[in-house]
N, C-alpha and C. Protein backbone atom coordinates (compact mmCIF):
# COMPACT_ATOMS: atom_id res chain seq x y z
N MET A 1 -26.09 2.39 8.82
CA MET A 1 -26.20 0.98 9.12
C MET A 1 -25.53 0.70 10.45
N MET A 2 -26.20 -0.01 11.30
CA MET A 2 -25.70 -0.30 12.63
C MET A 2 -24.78 -1.52 12.60
N PRO A 3 -23.53 -1.36 13.10
CA PRO A 3 -22.63 -2.50 13.17
C PRO A 3 -23.14 -3.57 14.13
N ALA A 4 -22.68 -4.81 13.94
CA ALA A 4 -23.12 -5.91 14.79
C ALA A 4 -22.75 -5.68 16.25
N ALA A 5 -21.60 -5.06 16.49
CA ALA A 5 -21.17 -4.81 17.87
C ALA A 5 -22.13 -3.85 18.58
N ALA A 6 -22.74 -2.93 17.82
CA ALA A 6 -23.64 -1.96 18.43
C ALA A 6 -24.90 -2.63 18.95
N GLU A 7 -25.32 -3.71 18.30
CA GLU A 7 -26.51 -4.41 18.75
C GLU A 7 -26.32 -5.05 20.12
N GLN A 8 -25.08 -5.33 20.49
CA GLN A 8 -24.79 -5.98 21.75
C GLN A 8 -24.57 -4.99 22.90
N ASN A 9 -24.39 -3.72 22.60
CA ASN A 9 -24.04 -2.74 23.63
C ASN A 9 -25.22 -2.03 24.25
N GLY A 10 -26.42 -2.27 23.81
CA GLY A 10 -27.58 -1.73 24.48
C GLY A 10 -28.18 -0.51 23.82
N PRO A 11 -29.14 0.08 24.52
CA PRO A 11 -29.93 1.18 23.96
C PRO A 11 -29.12 2.44 23.66
N ALA A 12 -28.12 2.74 24.47
CA ALA A 12 -27.33 3.95 24.24
C ALA A 12 -26.59 3.87 22.91
N GLU A 13 -26.03 2.72 22.63
CA GLU A 13 -25.32 2.52 21.37
C GLU A 13 -26.29 2.57 20.19
N GLU A 14 -27.44 1.98 20.38
CA GLU A 14 -28.46 1.99 19.33
C GLU A 14 -28.93 3.42 19.05
N LEU A 15 -29.11 4.20 20.11
CA LEU A 15 -29.50 5.59 19.97
C LEU A 15 -28.44 6.38 19.21
N PHE A 16 -27.17 6.12 19.51
CA PHE A 16 -26.08 6.78 18.82
C PHE A 16 -26.14 6.50 17.32
N TRP A 17 -26.31 5.24 16.94
CA TRP A 17 -26.32 4.88 15.53
C TRP A 17 -27.57 5.39 14.83
N THR A 18 -28.67 5.46 15.53
CA THR A 18 -29.89 6.04 14.96
C THR A 18 -29.68 7.52 14.68
N THR A 19 -29.07 8.21 15.65
CA THR A 19 -28.78 9.63 15.48
C THR A 19 -27.83 9.85 14.31
N ARG A 20 -26.80 9.04 14.23
CA ARG A 20 -25.82 9.19 13.15
C ARG A 20 -26.47 8.96 11.78
N SER A 21 -27.30 7.94 11.66
CA SER A 21 -27.94 7.68 10.37
C SER A 21 -28.93 8.80 10.02
N THR A 22 -29.59 9.35 11.02
CA THR A 22 -30.50 10.47 10.78
C THR A 22 -29.73 11.69 10.30
N LEU A 23 -28.61 11.98 10.92
CA LEU A 23 -27.79 13.12 10.50
C LEU A 23 -27.24 12.91 9.10
N ASP A 24 -26.86 11.69 8.76
CA ASP A 24 -26.41 11.40 7.39
C ASP A 24 -27.53 11.61 6.39
N ALA A 25 -28.74 11.20 6.74
CA ALA A 25 -29.89 11.40 5.86
C ALA A 25 -30.19 12.88 5.68
N ILE A 26 -30.05 13.64 6.76
CA ILE A 26 -30.26 15.10 6.68
C ILE A 26 -29.23 15.71 5.74
N ARG A 27 -27.99 15.31 5.87
CA ARG A 27 -26.93 15.85 5.00
C ARG A 27 -27.24 15.55 3.53
N THR A 28 -27.68 14.33 3.25
CA THR A 28 -28.03 13.96 1.88
C THR A 28 -29.18 14.80 1.35
N THR A 29 -30.19 14.99 2.17
CA THR A 29 -31.34 15.79 1.78
C THR A 29 -30.95 17.24 1.52
N LEU A 30 -30.12 17.80 2.39
CA LEU A 30 -29.68 19.18 2.20
C LEU A 30 -28.81 19.33 0.96
N ASP A 31 -27.99 18.32 0.65
CA ASP A 31 -27.19 18.36 -0.58
C ASP A 31 -28.09 18.34 -1.81
N LYS A 32 -29.15 17.52 -1.78
CA LYS A 32 -30.10 17.47 -2.90
C LYS A 32 -30.86 18.78 -3.03
N LEU A 33 -31.23 19.36 -1.90
CA LEU A 33 -31.92 20.66 -1.93
C LEU A 33 -31.00 21.72 -2.51
N ASP A 34 -29.75 21.70 -2.10
CA ASP A 34 -28.77 22.66 -2.63
C ASP A 34 -28.62 22.51 -4.14
N ALA A 35 -28.59 21.27 -4.62
CA ALA A 35 -28.47 21.03 -6.06
C ALA A 35 -29.71 21.54 -6.80
N ALA A 36 -30.89 21.33 -6.23
CA ALA A 36 -32.12 21.82 -6.85
C ALA A 36 -32.13 23.34 -6.92
N LEU A 37 -31.68 23.99 -5.85
CA LEU A 37 -31.65 25.45 -5.84
C LEU A 37 -30.57 25.99 -6.78
N ALA A 38 -29.49 25.24 -6.95
CA ALA A 38 -28.43 25.66 -7.87
C ALA A 38 -28.96 25.65 -9.31
N VAL A 39 -29.81 24.68 -9.64
CA VAL A 39 -30.40 24.65 -10.98
C VAL A 39 -31.27 25.88 -11.20
N VAL A 40 -32.01 26.27 -10.18
CA VAL A 40 -32.86 27.45 -10.29
C VAL A 40 -32.01 28.70 -10.45
N ASP A 41 -30.91 28.78 -9.73
CA ASP A 41 -30.07 29.98 -9.73
C ASP A 41 -29.12 30.03 -10.93
N LYS A 42 -28.94 28.90 -11.62
CA LYS A 42 -28.00 28.85 -12.74
C LYS A 42 -28.45 29.78 -13.86
N ARG A 43 -27.50 30.52 -14.39
CA ARG A 43 -27.81 31.46 -15.46
C ARG A 43 -27.70 30.77 -16.81
N SER A 44 -28.53 31.19 -17.72
CA SER A 44 -28.49 30.65 -19.07
C SER A 44 -28.54 31.81 -20.06
N ARG A 45 -28.37 31.49 -21.33
CA ARG A 45 -28.44 32.53 -22.35
C ARG A 45 -29.80 33.22 -22.35
N LEU A 46 -30.84 32.41 -22.22
CA LEU A 46 -32.19 32.95 -22.25
C LEU A 46 -32.47 33.82 -21.03
N GLY A 47 -31.83 33.53 -19.94
CA GLY A 47 -32.10 34.23 -18.69
C GLY A 47 -31.28 35.47 -18.46
N ARG A 48 -30.85 36.10 -19.52
CA ARG A 48 -30.10 37.35 -19.37
C ARG A 48 -31.01 38.54 -19.60
N GLY A 49 -30.64 39.64 -19.01
CA GLY A 49 -31.38 40.87 -19.25
C GLY A 49 -32.78 40.85 -18.66
N PHE A 50 -33.73 41.33 -19.46
CA PHE A 50 -35.08 41.49 -18.95
C PHE A 50 -35.82 40.16 -18.77
N LEU A 51 -35.32 39.06 -19.33
CA LEU A 51 -35.96 37.76 -19.16
C LEU A 51 -35.46 36.99 -17.94
N ARG A 52 -34.52 37.57 -17.22
CA ARG A 52 -33.91 36.85 -16.10
C ARG A 52 -34.94 36.40 -15.05
N ARG A 53 -35.79 37.29 -14.63
CA ARG A 53 -36.78 36.95 -13.59
C ARG A 53 -37.82 35.93 -14.07
N PRO A 54 -38.40 36.10 -15.26
CA PRO A 54 -39.36 35.08 -15.70
C PRO A 54 -38.73 33.69 -15.88
N VAL A 55 -37.50 33.64 -16.35
CA VAL A 55 -36.82 32.35 -16.52
C VAL A 55 -36.56 31.72 -15.16
N LYS A 56 -36.09 32.51 -14.20
CA LYS A 56 -35.85 31.99 -12.86
C LYS A 56 -37.15 31.52 -12.22
N HIS A 57 -38.22 32.25 -12.43
CA HIS A 57 -39.52 31.85 -11.89
C HIS A 57 -39.98 30.53 -12.51
N ALA A 58 -39.78 30.38 -13.81
CA ALA A 58 -40.17 29.13 -14.48
C ALA A 58 -39.36 27.96 -13.95
N LYS A 59 -38.06 28.15 -13.75
CA LYS A 59 -37.21 27.09 -13.20
C LYS A 59 -37.64 26.73 -11.79
N LEU A 60 -37.97 27.75 -11.01
CA LEU A 60 -38.42 27.52 -9.64
C LEU A 60 -39.74 26.74 -9.63
N SER A 61 -40.63 27.06 -10.55
CA SER A 61 -41.90 26.34 -10.64
C SER A 61 -41.67 24.87 -10.99
N LEU A 62 -40.69 24.60 -11.85
CA LEU A 62 -40.38 23.22 -12.21
C LEU A 62 -39.82 22.43 -11.03
N LYS A 63 -39.08 23.09 -10.18
CA LYS A 63 -38.45 22.42 -9.03
C LYS A 63 -39.27 22.52 -7.76
N ALA A 64 -40.42 23.16 -7.80
CA ALA A 64 -41.23 23.39 -6.59
C ALA A 64 -41.63 22.08 -5.92
N GLY A 65 -41.96 21.07 -6.69
CA GLY A 65 -42.34 19.77 -6.11
C GLY A 65 -41.20 19.14 -5.34
N ASP A 66 -40.00 19.18 -5.93
CA ASP A 66 -38.82 18.64 -5.25
C ASP A 66 -38.52 19.41 -3.98
N ILE A 67 -38.59 20.73 -4.06
CA ILE A 67 -38.29 21.57 -2.90
C ILE A 67 -39.30 21.31 -1.77
N THR A 68 -40.56 21.13 -2.13
CA THR A 68 -41.59 20.82 -1.13
C THR A 68 -41.32 19.47 -0.48
N ALA A 69 -40.91 18.49 -1.28
CA ALA A 69 -40.59 17.16 -0.73
C ALA A 69 -39.41 17.25 0.23
N TYR A 70 -38.39 18.02 -0.13
CA TYR A 70 -37.24 18.19 0.76
C TYR A 70 -37.64 18.88 2.05
N ARG A 71 -38.54 19.87 1.95
CA ARG A 71 -39.03 20.57 3.14
C ARG A 71 -39.73 19.59 4.08
N GLU A 72 -40.56 18.72 3.54
CA GLU A 72 -41.27 17.74 4.37
C GLU A 72 -40.29 16.74 5.01
N ARG A 73 -39.28 16.34 4.27
CA ARG A 73 -38.27 15.44 4.85
C ARG A 73 -37.55 16.12 6.00
N ILE A 74 -37.19 17.37 5.81
CA ILE A 74 -36.48 18.11 6.86
C ILE A 74 -37.36 18.24 8.10
N LYS A 75 -38.66 18.48 7.91
CA LYS A 75 -39.58 18.54 9.05
C LYS A 75 -39.61 17.21 9.80
N SER A 76 -39.66 16.11 9.05
CA SER A 76 -39.70 14.80 9.72
C SER A 76 -38.39 14.51 10.44
N TYR A 77 -37.26 14.90 9.85
CA TYR A 77 -35.97 14.72 10.53
C TYR A 77 -35.91 15.56 11.80
N ASN A 78 -36.51 16.75 11.76
CA ASN A 78 -36.56 17.60 12.94
C ASN A 78 -37.32 16.91 14.06
N ILE A 79 -38.42 16.25 13.73
CA ILE A 79 -39.21 15.53 14.73
C ILE A 79 -38.39 14.38 15.31
N VAL A 80 -37.69 13.65 14.43
CA VAL A 80 -36.87 12.53 14.90
C VAL A 80 -35.77 13.02 15.84
N LEU A 81 -35.07 14.08 15.45
CA LEU A 81 -33.98 14.59 16.29
C LEU A 81 -34.51 15.16 17.61
N THR A 82 -35.67 15.78 17.58
CA THR A 82 -36.27 16.27 18.83
C THR A 82 -36.59 15.11 19.76
N SER A 83 -37.11 14.04 19.19
CA SER A 83 -37.40 12.84 20.00
C SER A 83 -36.12 12.26 20.59
N ILE A 84 -35.07 12.22 19.79
CA ILE A 84 -33.79 11.69 20.27
C ILE A 84 -33.26 12.54 21.42
N LEU A 85 -33.33 13.85 21.27
CA LEU A 85 -32.85 14.74 22.33
C LEU A 85 -33.68 14.58 23.60
N GLN A 86 -34.97 14.35 23.47
CA GLN A 86 -35.80 14.13 24.64
C GLN A 86 -35.42 12.82 25.32
N MET A 87 -35.06 11.81 24.55
CA MET A 87 -34.64 10.55 25.12
C MET A 87 -33.32 10.71 25.88
N VAL A 88 -32.43 11.53 25.34
CA VAL A 88 -31.15 11.77 26.00
C VAL A 88 -31.36 12.48 27.32
N ASN A 89 -32.29 13.43 27.36
CA ASN A 89 -32.55 14.20 28.57
C ASN A 89 -33.24 13.39 29.67
N LEU A 90 -33.83 12.27 29.31
CA LEU A 90 -34.47 11.45 30.32
C LEU A 90 -33.41 10.79 31.12
């Protein structure tokens, strides 16, 4: 969220706050991705021994939609940050 003082300081300040909010959103997305992958990697009673791989594969299949959504968000954040860096270089 951009403070009221930032609105008065011009485009550089606005760019800073946009970058900061984008980086915060990236951190949140990566934390959610990490949590989703932790669920897949978590061991259970059923997932011991010879059933370990099929159980992990089933968990991964259940989380595949979430992981794909996080991947798309990360791609869009990459585009935003690339645009910001190009603006800085101008």
